[in-house]
Amino acid sequence: MLDPIALEIVWQRLVAMIDEASSSLRRSSFSLVVRESHDFVVVLLDKDGNALAQSSKSIPPFIVAASYAVQECLRVIPPAELHPGDVIISNDPWISTGHSFDVLVMNPIFSERRIVGYAASIAHWTDIGGHPWAPEAADHLEEGLVIPICRIIDQGEPVKVVYDFIQQNVRYRDHVIGDLNAQLAANDMVTSKTLALLREHDMPDLEAISAEILGRSEQAMRTAIAALPDGTYHHCLQAEAFDEALTFDVHLTVHGDSIDVDFTGTSKQTKYAINSVLNYTAGYTFFALKAVLNPETPNNIAATWPVRVTAPSGSIVNPVPPASFASRHVVGHLCAEAVLGAIAQVVPERVPAGSATTWLFDIRVKAEPGKKGRGLVMLLGAGLGAAAGRDGRSCVCWTSSTMNIPIEILESEYPLQFDYKEFRTGSGGAGKWQGGMGQMVQLRAISDMTFTAFTTRQRFPALGSAGGQPGKMGLMFHNQTPLSPARQIPWRAGEVLIFLLPGGGGYGEPRERPEDLRQWDALNGFDLVNDRENRA
């Protein structure tokens, strides 16, 4: 057993190692969605495929997906069949993060000819072939290439046929292979630094570290759950799915030091490409519960062990073939909101009001004679719900932890012009603590392209809590024509798109808002509706 001081030193060293590898991946990647939006994760796993440490800036459900995906890879290619220099790849949506764009790359870490752990990364590639981001794809095979679990490097030698079938099925080869190489380099860094750590502390493997970190993380989560009163807590959330309404029905049962979360009653899977596989659903469920009950302890797979997630087969949160799910974030992000609504009945003071989830846009510049096509995944943040004691943050990519891409970079690399990008003042719900604001954006096409949006909160607002008011709903316009969510449209040179992103819900009675904050709102114009919104 490691003493507490040594354990803390080793734990902080592990996180620093993974963060350094994460920085390497980001700096050497080619696509903006990885380099600027930070849509990836780097993970160190123990010899059983349990995630020990992940990069500090990473998407919440990826730690669940990384463990599950690596363990599935080890069932297909057992550890006894792995050798130094092997690298495994897969983007199978059913075993990982739920859509084909997220590609897992993993390798064993050998010390003295035995496996002591695994280095893994999952990154969102710009393209994976097929009909990307098609709102009404008949099945996930239309959405692009599915790479089965296989070696892409065999004992240090690249497997040519795997590289070939990837390159022959994607449009933006430079970006795809560039991001793949960035993942390989990050994994190499995790491997070398893990071995250096073991040598430095004279440890034969990661087993002692793993047992301590995972054991303490699990116990801390169980202790937090045990402090709650036993019982079943129900919450029903309504949201939109393009031309139909969705229901998220959550029954959260606390019994002793564990929690069962059951999504029975949730809408059936939809024809649209927003269905969330159970791994992704579970990831956002775990995220919501850990953020409320036990945010301080290390972020690793053991914190999820006291929580069991179930959902009806064939529902939007546990689809079956031939479901499509390229934009499963639409449903996955709302899973976190639904679970927060249930746990709020137990600890209301710890849970924020409703939040507006991230808006995602896919922009495709068509290939022309002599010119390559280009693809862009652009994310825009909306308003976060207020909580007891604080206003909601504005323009946040909730719940994905990704980031907005700076205007200067977008305009320099793509034929886009931002006419304006500013706070959508007045969009946050009123309350003692005010909901975060969305943003207003007018974006102009410089050349012809196609545009697809995947958005929420255009029919159902982010709700307030404890007497707070709901946030404003979102709106989109193509020139001056209202634009429905999840419609792929031709976007011609000179045409504009206008986005009015939704705000978060307020918390507490508006009449109780402190006077100094009222003055701050008035001074900064945050209490007024933006004039541009009236004109739009």
Protein backbone atom coordinates (compact mmCIF):
# COMPACT_ATOMS: atom_id res chain seq x y z
CA MET A 1 0.00 0.00 0.00
CA LEU A 2 1.30 3.47 -0.91
CA ASP A 3 1.31 6.08 1.82
CA PRO A 4 -0.97 9.10 1.14
CA ILE A 5 1.87 11.50 0.33
CA ALA A 6 3.53 9.13 -2.15
CA LEU A 7 0.15 8.37 -3.70
CA GLU A 8 -0.63 12.06 -4.22
CA ILE A 9 2.79 12.64 -5.79
CA VAL A 10 2.33 9.72 -8.18
CA TRP A 11 -1.26 10.73 -9.01
CA GLN A 12 -0.26 14.31 -9.87
CA ARG A 13 2.62 12.95 -11.92
CA LEU A 14 0.21 10.73 -13.88
CA VAL A 15 -2.13 13.62 -14.65
CA ALA A 16 0.81 15.83 -15.69
CA MET A 17 2.09 13.07 -18.00
CA ILE A 18 -1.28 12.67 -19.69
CA ASP A 19 -1.73 16.43 -20.01
CA GLU A 20 1.68 16.72 -21.67
CA ALA A 21 0.74 14.00 -24.14
CA SER A 22 -2.60 15.76 -24.70
CA SER A 23 -0.79 19.00 -25.52
CA SER A 24 1.41 17.12 -27.96
CA LEU A 25 -1.62 15.66 -29.72
CA ARG A 26 -3.33 19.04 -29.96
CA ARG A 27 -0.26 20.88 -31.27
CA SER A 28 0.56 18.27 -33.91
CA SER A 29 -3.01 17.62 -35.14
CA PHE A 30 -4.26 18.93 -38.47
CA SER A 31 -8.01 19.42 -38.01
CA LEU A 32 -9.53 22.40 -36.20
CA VAL A 33 -12.00 20.23 -34.30
CA VAL A 34 -9.03 18.57 -32.56
CA ARG A 35 -6.56 21.44 -32.47
CA GLU A 36 -8.93 24.24 -31.44
CA SER A 37 -12.16 22.63 -30.19
CA HIS A 38 -10.19 20.02 -28.20
CA ASP A 39 -12.48 17.17 -29.23
CA PHE A 40 -10.27 14.30 -28.09
CA VAL A 41 -8.99 12.48 -25.02
CA VAL A 42 -5.73 10.82 -23.98
CA VAL A 43 -5.95 8.05 -21.38
CA LEU A 44 -3.66 5.80 -19.37
CA LEU A 45 -5.25 2.45 -18.50
CA ASP A 46 -4.09 -0.37 -16.26
CA LYS A 47 -3.44 -3.92 -17.49
CA ASP A 48 -7.15 -4.76 -17.17
CA GLY A 49 -8.21 -1.82 -19.33
CA ASN A 50 -9.43 0.37 -16.45
CA ALA A 51 -8.87 4.07 -17.11
CA LEU A 52 -6.54 5.46 -14.43
CA ALA A 53 -5.96 8.99 -15.65
CA GLN A 54 -7.16 11.12 -18.55
CA SER A 55 -6.28 14.54 -19.91
CA SER A 56 -7.67 17.37 -17.80
CA LYS A 57 -9.45 18.95 -20.77
CA SER A 58 -11.48 16.10 -22.13
CA ILE A 59 -15.06 15.28 -22.98
CA PRO A 60 -16.90 13.75 -19.99
CA PRO A 61 -18.11 10.40 -21.41
CA PHE A 62 -14.80 9.57 -23.09
CA ILE A 63 -13.32 8.03 -19.93
CA VAL A 64 -16.19 5.53 -19.92
CA ALA A 65 -15.91 4.93 -23.65
CA ALA A 66 -12.13 4.52 -23.48
CA SER A 67 -12.33 1.80 -20.84
CA TYR A 68 -15.17 -0.06 -22.52
CA ALA A 69 -13.60 0.19 -25.98
CA VAL A 70 -10.14 -0.93 -24.84
CA GLN A 71 -11.63 -3.87 -22.94
CA GLU A 72 -13.58 -4.89 -26.06
CA CYS A 73 -10.39 -4.66 -28.12
CA LEU A 74 -8.72 -7.00 -25.65
CA ARG A 75 -11.52 -9.51 -26.06
CA VAL A 76 -10.96 -9.52 -29.82
CA ILE A 77 -7.15 -9.42 -29.63
CA PRO A 78 -6.22 -10.94 -26.25
CA PRO A 79 -3.20 -9.58 -24.36
CA ALA A 80 -1.37 -12.89 -24.95
CA GLU A 81 -1.41 -12.12 -28.69
CA LEU A 82 0.01 -8.59 -28.34
CA HIS A 83 3.66 -7.69 -28.85
CA PRO A 84 5.82 -4.61 -28.27
CA GLY A 85 5.20 -2.15 -31.10
CA ASP A 86 1.59 -3.25 -31.73
CA VAL A 87 -1.07 -0.55 -32.17
CA ILE A 88 -4.79 -1.31 -32.40
CA ILE A 89 -7.36 0.93 -34.07
CA SER A 90 -11.17 0.99 -34.26
CA ASN A 91 -14.04 3.43 -34.59
CA ASP A 92 -16.88 0.94 -34.10
CA PRO A 93 -19.64 3.20 -32.71
CA TRP A 94 -21.33 0.42 -30.76
CA ILE A 95 -18.32 -0.26 -28.53
CA SER A 96 -16.92 3.24 -28.15
CA THR A 97 -18.32 6.78 -28.17
CA GLY A 98 -21.30 6.25 -30.45
CA HIS A 99 -20.35 7.69 -33.82
CA SER A 100 -17.86 6.82 -36.52
CA PHE A 101 -15.92 10.11 -36.40
CA ASP A 102 -14.35 9.21 -33.03
CA VAL A 103 -11.39 6.92 -33.64
CA LEU A 104 -9.70 4.91 -30.89
CA VAL A 105 -5.95 4.23 -31.14
CA MET A 106 -4.40 2.13 -28.37
CA ASN A 107 -1.20 0.25 -27.65
CA PRO A 108 0.09 -2.01 -24.87
CA ILE A 109 2.81 -0.73 -22.56
CA PHE A 110 5.43 -3.44 -22.10
CA SER A 111 7.94 -3.53 -19.26
CA GLU A 112 10.39 -6.44 -19.23
CA ARG A 113 8.30 -8.33 -21.77
CA ARG A 114 5.01 -8.13 -19.91
CA ILE A 115 2.09 -5.74 -20.28
CA VAL A 116 1.77 -3.22 -17.43
CA GLY A 117 -0.91 -1.00 -18.97
CA TYR A 118 -2.25 0.63 -22.12
CA ALA A 119 -1.98 4.05 -23.72
CA ALA A 120 -5.05 5.19 -25.66
CA SER A 121 -6.45 8.22 -27.40
CA ILE A 122 -9.79 8.95 -29.02
CA ALA A 123 -9.95 11.84 -31.48
CA HIS A 124 -12.74 13.25 -33.63
CA TRP A 125 -11.58 12.96 -37.24
CA THR A 126 -12.84 15.56 -39.70
CA ASP A 127 -14.05 12.92 -42.14
CA ILE A 128 -14.67 9.19 -42.19
CA GLY A 129 -16.24 8.92 -45.64
CA GLY A 130 -19.89 8.16 -46.34
CA HIS A 131 -22.54 10.87 -46.15
CA PRO A 132 -21.26 12.82 -43.16
CA TRP A 133 -23.70 14.39 -40.71
CA ALA A 134 -26.70 13.33 -42.80
CA PRO A 135 -29.71 14.12 -40.56
CA GLU A 136 -31.81 11.32 -42.04
CA ALA A 137 -29.21 8.61 -42.70
CA ALA A 138 -31.03 5.28 -42.95
CA ASP A 139 -28.37 3.55 -40.85
CA HIS A 140 -24.94 4.21 -39.40
CA LEU A 141 -23.23 2.58 -42.40
CA GLU A 142 -24.28 5.57 -44.51
CA GLU A 143 -22.38 7.77 -42.07
CA GLY A 144 -18.96 6.50 -43.03
CA LEU A 145 -16.32 3.81 -42.78
CA VAL A 146 -16.44 1.49 -39.77
CA ILE A 147 -12.94 0.29 -38.89
CA PRO A 148 -13.10 -3.09 -37.16
CA ILE A 149 -10.82 -3.83 -34.23
CA CYS A 150 -7.49 -4.54 -35.91
CA ARG A 151 -3.80 -3.75 -35.81
CA ILE A 152 -2.71 -0.65 -37.70
CA ILE A 153 0.90 -1.20 -36.60
CA ASP A 154 2.23 -4.74 -36.15
CA GLN A 155 5.39 -4.99 -34.02
CA GLY A 156 6.49 -1.56 -35.18
CA GLU A 157 5.63 -2.02 -38.86
CA PRO A 158 2.66 -0.11 -40.35
CA VAL A 159 -0.03 -2.42 -41.74
CA LYS A 160 -0.29 -1.10 -45.29
CA VAL A 161 -3.70 -2.51 -46.10
CA VAL A 162 -5.29 -0.76 -43.07
CA TYR A 163 -3.71 2.57 -43.98
CA ASP A 164 -4.85 2.06 -47.57
CA PHE A 165 -8.49 1.31 -46.82
CA ILE A 166 -8.65 4.35 -44.53
CA GLN A 167 -7.10 6.69 -47.10
CA GLN A 168 -9.25 5.32 -49.93
CA ASN A 169 -12.47 6.00 -47.99
CA VAL A 170 -11.96 9.56 -46.72
CA ARG A 171 -12.05 12.90 -48.49
CA TYR A 172 -9.47 14.84 -46.47
CA ARG A 173 -6.54 12.46 -46.32
CA ASP A 174 -4.01 14.98 -45.07
CA HIS A 175 -6.18 15.86 -42.07
CA VAL A 176 -7.11 12.26 -41.31
CA ILE A 177 -3.58 10.83 -41.49
CA GLY A 178 -2.20 13.93 -39.74
CA ASP A 179 -4.56 13.45 -36.81
CA LEU A 180 -3.83 9.70 -36.73
CA ASN A 181 -0.11 10.42 -36.51
CA ALA A 182 -0.76 12.92 -33.73
CA GLN A 183 -2.60 10.21 -31.79
CA LEU A 184 0.25 7.75 -32.31
CA ALA A 185 2.76 10.31 -31.06
CA ALA A 186 0.66 11.07 -27.98
CA ASN A 187 0.36 7.38 -27.17
CA ASP A 188 4.13 6.97 -27.56
CA MET A 189 4.63 9.78 -25.07
CA VAL A 190 2.26 8.16 -22.55
CA THR A 191 4.15 4.87 -22.98
CA SER A 192 7.64 6.34 -22.50
CA LYS A 193 6.64 8.50 -19.54
CA THR A 194 4.84 5.63 -17.81
CA LEU A 195 7.95 3.46 -18.09
CA ALA A 196 10.10 6.32 -16.80
CA LEU A 197 7.76 6.73 -13.80
CA LEU A 198 7.99 3.03 -12.96
CA ARG A 199 11.79 3.11 -13.14
CA GLU A 200 12.01 6.26 -11.05
CA HIS A 201 9.87 4.83 -8.26
CA ASP A 202 11.33 1.32 -8.59
CA MET A 203 7.94 -0.23 -9.28
CA PRO A 204 7.58 -3.33 -11.46
CA ASP A 205 4.15 -2.34 -12.79
CA LEU A 206 1.09 -0.14 -12.25
CA GLU A 207 -0.83 -2.62 -10.09
CA ALA A 208 -0.17 -0.96 -6.72
CA ILE A 209 -0.95 2.49 -8.12
CA SER A 210 -4.06 1.20 -9.85
CA ALA A 211 -5.38 -0.57 -6.77
CA GLU A 212 -4.96 2.53 -4.61
CA ILE A 213 -6.34 5.09 -7.04
CA LEU A 214 -9.28 3.01 -8.22
CA GLY A 215 -10.11 1.74 -4.74
CA ARG A 216 -10.09 5.21 -3.21
CA SER A 217 -12.08 6.71 -6.09
CA GLU A 218 -14.77 4.05 -5.85
CA GLN A 219 -14.99 4.38 -2.07
CA ALA A 220 -15.23 8.18 -2.25
CA MET A 221 -18.16 7.91 -4.67
CA ARG A 222 -19.86 5.28 -2.51
CA THR A 223 -19.44 7.49 0.56
CA ALA A 224 -21.04 10.42 -1.25
CA ILE A 225 -23.97 8.26 -2.38
CA ALA A 226 -24.44 6.76 1.09
CA ALA A 227 -25.04 10.27 2.45
CA LEU A 228 -28.21 10.51 0.34
CA PRO A 229 -31.60 9.25 1.54
CA ASP A 230 -32.67 5.98 -0.02
CA GLY A 231 -35.53 6.23 -2.48
CA THR A 232 -36.52 6.56 -6.12
CA TYR A 233 -36.57 10.00 -7.74
CA HIS A 234 -38.29 10.60 -11.06
CA HIS A 235 -37.73 13.33 -13.64
CA CYS A 236 -39.14 13.77 -17.13
CA LEU A 237 -37.47 16.13 -19.60
CA GLN A 238 -38.98 17.27 -22.89
CA ALA A 239 -36.82 18.25 -25.83
CA GLU A 240 -37.06 18.51 -29.59
CA ALA A 241 -35.73 16.25 -32.32
CA PHE A 242 -36.27 18.30 -35.45
CA ASP A 243 -39.95 17.70 -36.26
CA GLU A 244 -40.80 15.53 -33.26
CA ALA A 245 -40.69 15.82 -29.49
CA LEU A 246 -38.45 13.64 -27.34
CA THR A 247 -39.08 12.45 -23.81
CA PHE A 248 -36.30 11.59 -21.40
CA ASP A 249 -37.79 9.63 -18.50
CA VAL A 250 -35.38 9.01 -15.65
CA HIS A 251 -35.93 6.95 -12.50
CA LEU A 252 -32.96 7.37 -10.17
CA THR A 253 -32.91 4.92 -7.26
CA VAL A 254 -30.55 5.38 -4.31
CA HIS A 255 -30.00 2.26 -2.24
CA GLY A 256 -27.20 2.29 0.28
CA ASP A 257 -23.95 3.26 -1.41
CA SER A 258 -25.05 2.71 -5.01
CA ILE A 259 -27.40 4.24 -7.57
CA ASP A 260 -29.48 2.71 -10.35
CA VAL A 261 -30.49 4.99 -13.21
CA ASP A 262 -33.27 3.63 -15.41
CA PHE A 263 -34.36 5.35 -18.64
CA THR A 264 -37.54 3.27 -19.07
CA GLY A 265 -40.22 5.50 -20.58
CA THR A 266 -37.74 7.40 -22.76
CA SER A 267 -38.69 7.88 -26.43
CA LYS A 268 -38.08 5.14 -28.94
CA GLN A 269 -35.12 5.50 -31.26
CA THR A 270 -35.67 7.99 -34.04
CA LYS A 271 -35.08 7.99 -37.78
CA TYR A 272 -32.78 10.96 -37.33
CA ALA A 273 -29.04 10.54 -36.74
CA ILE A 274 -29.14 11.53 -33.07
CA ASN A 275 -29.57 8.19 -31.28
CA SER A 276 -27.17 7.69 -28.36
CA VAL A 277 -25.60 4.26 -27.82
CA LEU A 278 -25.65 3.02 -24.23
CA ASN A 279 -21.93 3.75 -23.67
CA TYR A 280 -22.48 7.41 -24.51
CA THR A 281 -25.69 7.59 -22.48
CA ALA A 282 -23.93 6.03 -19.50
CA GLY A 283 -20.99 8.40 -19.87
CA TYR A 284 -23.16 11.49 -19.52
CA THR A 285 -25.13 9.87 -16.70
CA PHE A 286 -21.94 9.23 -14.74
CA PHE A 287 -20.70 12.74 -15.50
CA ALA A 288 -23.85 14.36 -14.10
CA LEU A 289 -23.80 12.33 -10.90
CA LYS A 290 -20.08 12.72 -10.23
CA ALA A 291 -20.19 16.47 -10.90
CA VAL A 292 -22.92 16.86 -8.28
CA LEU A 293 -21.94 14.26 -5.67
CA ASN A 294 -18.17 13.90 -5.82
CA PRO A 295 -16.42 16.45 -8.04
CA GLU A 296 -13.10 16.61 -6.18
CA THR A 297 -11.82 13.03 -6.47
CA PRO A 298 -9.71 11.76 -9.40
CA ASN A 299 -11.56 11.34 -12.66
CA ASN A 300 -11.24 7.67 -13.51
CA ILE A 301 -13.41 4.67 -14.32
CA ALA A 302 -13.75 3.51 -10.68
CA ALA A 303 -15.94 6.49 -9.82
CA THR A 304 -18.56 5.02 -12.16
CA TRP A 305 -18.64 1.56 -10.56
CA PRO A 306 -21.29 2.39 -7.90
CA VAL A 307 -23.70 3.51 -10.65
CA ARG A 308 -25.70 1.16 -12.89
CA VAL A 309 -27.36 2.55 -16.02
CA THR A 310 -30.15 0.69 -17.83
CA ALA A 311 -32.27 1.70 -20.79
CA PRO A 312 -34.83 -0.06 -22.97
CA SER A 313 -33.39 -1.64 -26.09
CA GLY A 314 -34.56 0.32 -29.11
CA SER A 315 -34.85 3.66 -27.30
CA ILE A 316 -33.05 6.89 -28.23
CA VAL A 317 -30.61 6.21 -25.38
CA ASN A 318 -29.95 2.55 -26.29
CA PRO A 319 -30.65 2.09 -30.01
CA VAL A 320 -30.41 -1.09 -32.03
CA PRO A 321 -29.44 -1.54 -35.70
CA PRO A 322 -30.10 0.00 -38.15
CA ALA A 323 -29.97 3.16 -36.03
CA SER A 324 -27.97 6.16 -37.20
CA PHE A 325 -26.20 8.36 -34.69
CA ALA A 326 -23.63 10.72 -36.24
CA SER A 327 -25.01 13.55 -34.08
CA ARG A 328 -25.69 11.51 -30.97
CA HIS A 329 -24.51 14.48 -28.92
CA VAL A 330 -27.99 16.00 -29.34
CA VAL A 331 -29.44 13.19 -27.22
CA GLY A 332 -26.37 12.44 -25.10
CA HIS A 333 -26.03 15.98 -23.79
CA LEU A 334 -29.70 16.00 -22.82
CA CYS A 335 -29.19 12.75 -20.87
CA ALA A 336 -27.01 14.72 -18.45
CA GLU A 337 -29.76 17.35 -18.13
CA ALA A 338 -32.37 14.67 -17.41
CA VAL A 339 -30.22 12.99 -14.75
CA LEU A 340 -29.47 16.35 -13.13
CA GLY A 341 -33.21 16.94 -12.93
CA ALA A 342 -33.62 13.69 -11.00
CA ILE A 343 -30.73 14.20 -8.57
CA ALA A 344 -31.93 17.79 -7.98
CA GLN A 345 -34.83 16.32 -6.03
CA VAL A 346 -32.32 14.99 -3.49
CA VAL A 347 -29.74 17.81 -3.34
CA PRO A 348 -31.39 20.82 -5.04
CA GLU A 349 -28.82 23.28 -3.71
CA ARG A 350 -26.03 21.53 -5.65
CA VAL A 351 -27.73 21.35 -9.06
CA PRO A 352 -27.85 24.24 -11.55
CA ALA A 353 -30.93 25.31 -13.47
CA GLY A 354 -31.42 23.99 -16.99
CA SER A 355 -28.68 24.68 -19.52
CA ALA A 356 -28.66 25.09 -23.28
CA THR A 357 -26.53 22.46 -24.98
CA THR A 358 -23.82 22.95 -27.60
CA TRP A 359 -24.82 23.73 -31.19
CA LEU A 360 -22.87 21.85 -33.85
CA PHE A 361 -22.51 22.84 -37.50
CA ASP A 362 -20.98 20.87 -40.34
CA ILE A 363 -19.66 22.95 -43.24
CA ARG A 364 -18.40 21.31 -46.43
CA VAL A 365 -16.54 23.26 -49.10
CA LYS A 366 -17.01 21.32 -52.31
CA ALA A 367 -14.04 20.07 -54.29
CA GLU A 368 -13.46 21.86 -57.59
CA PRO A 369 -11.16 21.04 -60.50
CA GLY A 370 -7.64 21.51 -59.23
CA LYS A 371 -8.82 22.24 -55.66
CA LYS A 372 -9.41 19.91 -52.74
CA GLY A 373 -12.64 19.91 -50.80
CA ARG A 374 -12.55 20.87 -47.14
CA GLY A 375 -14.69 20.00 -44.15
CA LEU A 376 -15.26 21.87 -40.91
CA VAL A 377 -17.00 20.90 -37.68
CA MET A 378 -17.80 24.12 -35.84
CA LEU A 379 -19.15 24.29 -32.29
CA LEU A 380 -20.90 27.24 -30.67
CA GLY A 381 -21.55 27.56 -26.94
CA ALA A 382 -24.82 28.65 -25.39
CA GLY A 383 -25.97 29.68 -21.91
CA LEU A 384 -25.27 27.63 -18.78
CA GLY A 385 -27.92 27.47 -16.09
CA ALA A 386 -27.48 29.56 -12.96
CA ALA A 387 -26.93 27.86 -9.60
CA ALA A 388 -27.30 28.78 -5.94
CA GLY A 389 -24.77 31.55 -5.38
CA ARG A 390 -23.68 32.23 -8.95
CA ASP A 391 -24.88 33.37 -12.35
CA GLY A 392 -24.67 30.94 -15.22
CA ARG A 393 -21.70 31.20 -17.55
CA SER A 394 -22.28 32.52 -21.03
CA CYS A 395 -21.39 30.89 -24.37
CA VAL A 396 -20.30 27.56 -22.89
CA CYS A 397 -20.04 24.31 -24.86
CA TRP A 398 -22.14 22.38 -22.34
CA THR A 399 -21.87 19.48 -21.65
CA SER A 400 -19.08 18.53 -23.99
CA SER A 401 -16.15 20.54 -22.53
CA THR A 402 -15.13 21.43 -26.09
CA MET A 403 -14.28 24.99 -27.09
CA ASN A 404 -15.28 27.59 -29.65
CA ILE A 405 -12.82 28.01 -32.53
CA PRO A 406 -11.45 31.57 -32.70
CA ILE A 407 -12.87 33.70 -35.52
CA GLU A 408 -9.40 34.63 -36.79
CA ILE A 409 -8.52 30.98 -37.39
CA LEU A 410 -11.82 30.14 -39.07
CA GLU A 411 -11.63 33.10 -41.42
CA SER A 412 -8.01 32.40 -42.32
CA GLU A 413 -8.55 28.72 -43.15
CA TYR A 414 -12.09 28.65 -44.62
CA PRO A 415 -14.11 30.89 -46.99
CA LEU A 416 -16.12 32.38 -44.11
CA GLN A 417 -16.72 35.90 -42.88
CA PHE A 418 -18.12 36.73 -39.45
CA ASP A 419 -20.19 39.91 -39.70
CA TYR A 420 -20.65 39.84 -35.92
CA LYS A 421 -20.32 37.48 -32.97
CA GLU A 422 -21.48 38.79 -29.60
CA PHE A 423 -23.48 38.08 -26.46
CA ARG A 424 -27.20 37.58 -26.96
CA THR A 425 -28.07 39.90 -24.10
CA GLY A 426 -31.31 39.19 -22.32
CA SER A 427 -31.27 35.51 -23.33
CA GLY A 428 -30.44 34.16 -19.86
CA GLY A 429 -33.41 33.40 -17.62
CA ALA A 430 -34.11 35.97 -14.91
CA GLY A 431 -33.58 34.97 -11.30
CA LYS A 432 -31.77 35.81 -8.10
CA TRP A 433 -28.93 34.30 -10.06
CA GLN A 434 -29.27 34.89 -13.80
CA GLY A 435 -28.91 32.25 -16.49
CA GLY A 436 -25.91 32.45 -18.81
CA MET A 437 -26.33 34.16 -22.16
CA GLY A 438 -26.20 32.57 -25.55
CA GLN A 439 -24.46 34.30 -28.45
CA MET A 440 -25.53 35.94 -31.68
CA VAL A 441 -23.59 35.22 -34.84
CA GLN A 442 -23.97 36.32 -38.45
CA LEU A 443 -21.84 34.20 -40.75
CA ARG A 444 -21.35 34.91 -44.45
CA ALA A 445 -20.28 32.43 -47.13
CA ILE A 446 -17.43 33.59 -49.37
CA SER A 447 -17.82 30.62 -51.75
CA ASP A 448 -20.42 27.91 -52.35
CA MET A 449 -20.66 25.13 -49.76
CA THR A 450 -23.15 22.96 -47.89
CA PHE A 451 -24.30 23.54 -44.34
CA THR A 452 -25.90 21.27 -41.74
CA ALA A 453 -26.95 22.23 -38.22
CA PHE A 454 -27.68 20.05 -35.21
CA THR A 455 -29.26 22.16 -32.50
CA THR A 456 -31.57 21.97 -29.48
CA ARG A 457 -33.63 24.35 -27.34
CA GLN A 458 -35.53 25.81 -30.30
CA ARG A 459 -38.89 24.51 -29.05
CA PHE A 460 -38.24 23.69 -25.40
CA PRO A 461 -36.29 26.26 -23.31
CA ALA A 462 -33.75 25.57 -20.58
CA LEU A 463 -35.89 25.67 -17.45
CA GLY A 464 -35.27 27.76 -14.36
CA SER A 465 -35.03 26.47 -10.79
CA ALA A 466 -36.30 27.64 -7.39
CA GLY A 467 -38.46 30.35 -8.95
CA GLY A 468 -36.02 31.30 -11.71
CA GLN A 469 -37.27 31.93 -15.24
CA PRO A 470 -36.46 29.84 -18.33
CA GLY A 471 -33.83 30.98 -20.80
CA LYS A 472 -34.74 32.18 -24.26
CA MET A 473 -35.05 29.57 -26.98
CA GLY A 474 -32.70 29.47 -29.95
CA LEU A 475 -33.37 30.66 -33.49
CA MET A 476 -31.62 30.24 -36.87
CA PHE A 477 -32.08 32.09 -40.14
CA HIS A 478 -30.85 31.48 -43.68
CA ASN A 479 -30.76 35.03 -45.00
CA GLN A 480 -34.10 36.20 -43.55
CA THR A 481 -35.84 32.82 -43.66
CA PRO A 482 -36.20 30.82 -40.42
CA LEU A 483 -34.11 27.66 -40.59
CA SER A 484 -35.20 24.41 -38.97
CA PRO A 485 -32.63 22.32 -37.08
CA ALA A 486 -30.90 19.41 -38.78
CA ARG A 487 -31.50 20.41 -42.35
CA GLN A 488 -28.67 20.15 -44.86
CA ILE A 489 -28.88 23.12 -47.23
CA PRO A 490 -26.84 24.58 -50.07
CA TRP A 491 -25.13 27.75 -48.87
CA ARG A 492 -24.22 30.06 -51.71
CA ALA A 493 -21.52 32.71 -51.82
CA GLY A 494 -22.80 35.97 -50.34
CA GLU A 495 -25.61 34.37 -48.33
CA VAL A 496 -25.72 34.74 -44.55
CA LEU A 497 -26.66 32.48 -41.69
CA ILE A 498 -27.81 34.01 -38.42
CA PHE A 499 -27.65 32.08 -35.15
CA LEU A 500 -29.36 33.20 -31.95
CA LEU A 501 -28.22 30.68 -29.37
CA PRO A 502 -30.40 29.89 -26.36
CA GLY A 503 -29.79 31.03 -22.81
CA GLY A 504 -29.62 29.10 -19.55
CA GLY A 505 -32.30 29.04 -16.88
CA GLY A 506 -32.31 31.38 -13.90
CA TYR A 507 -32.08 30.28 -10.26
CA GLY A 508 -34.16 31.81 -7.47
CA GLU A 509 -36.78 34.55 -7.50
CA PRO A 510 -35.86 37.47 -9.80
CA ARG A 511 -37.00 40.04 -7.20
CA GLU A 512 -34.28 38.75 -4.85
CA ARG A 513 -31.41 39.58 -7.20
CA PRO A 514 -28.77 41.56 -5.28
CA GLU A 515 -28.72 45.26 -6.08
CA ASP A 516 -25.02 45.31 -6.96
CA LEU A 517 -25.64 42.66 -9.62
CA ARG A 518 -28.63 44.61 -10.98
CA GLN A 519 -26.38 47.63 -11.37
CA TRP A 520 -23.72 45.51 -13.06
CA ASP A 521 -26.32 44.13 -15.50
CA ALA A 522 -27.54 47.64 -16.35
CA LEU A 523 -24.04 49.06 -16.71
CA ASN A 524 -23.05 46.34 -19.18
CA GLY A 525 -26.37 46.16 -21.00
CA PHE A 526 -26.89 42.55 -19.93
CA ASP A 527 -30.48 43.24 -18.89
CA LEU A 528 -31.53 44.36 -22.39
CA VAL A 529 -32.52 42.47 -25.53
CA ASN A 530 -29.88 42.94 -28.21
CA ASP A 531 -31.05 45.31 -30.97
CA ARG A 532 -29.72 42.90 -33.57
CA GLU A 533 -32.16 40.30 -32.30
CA ASN A 534 -35.08 42.62 -32.95
CA ARG A 535 -33.83 43.25 -36.47
CA ALA A 536 -33.27 39.52 -37.08
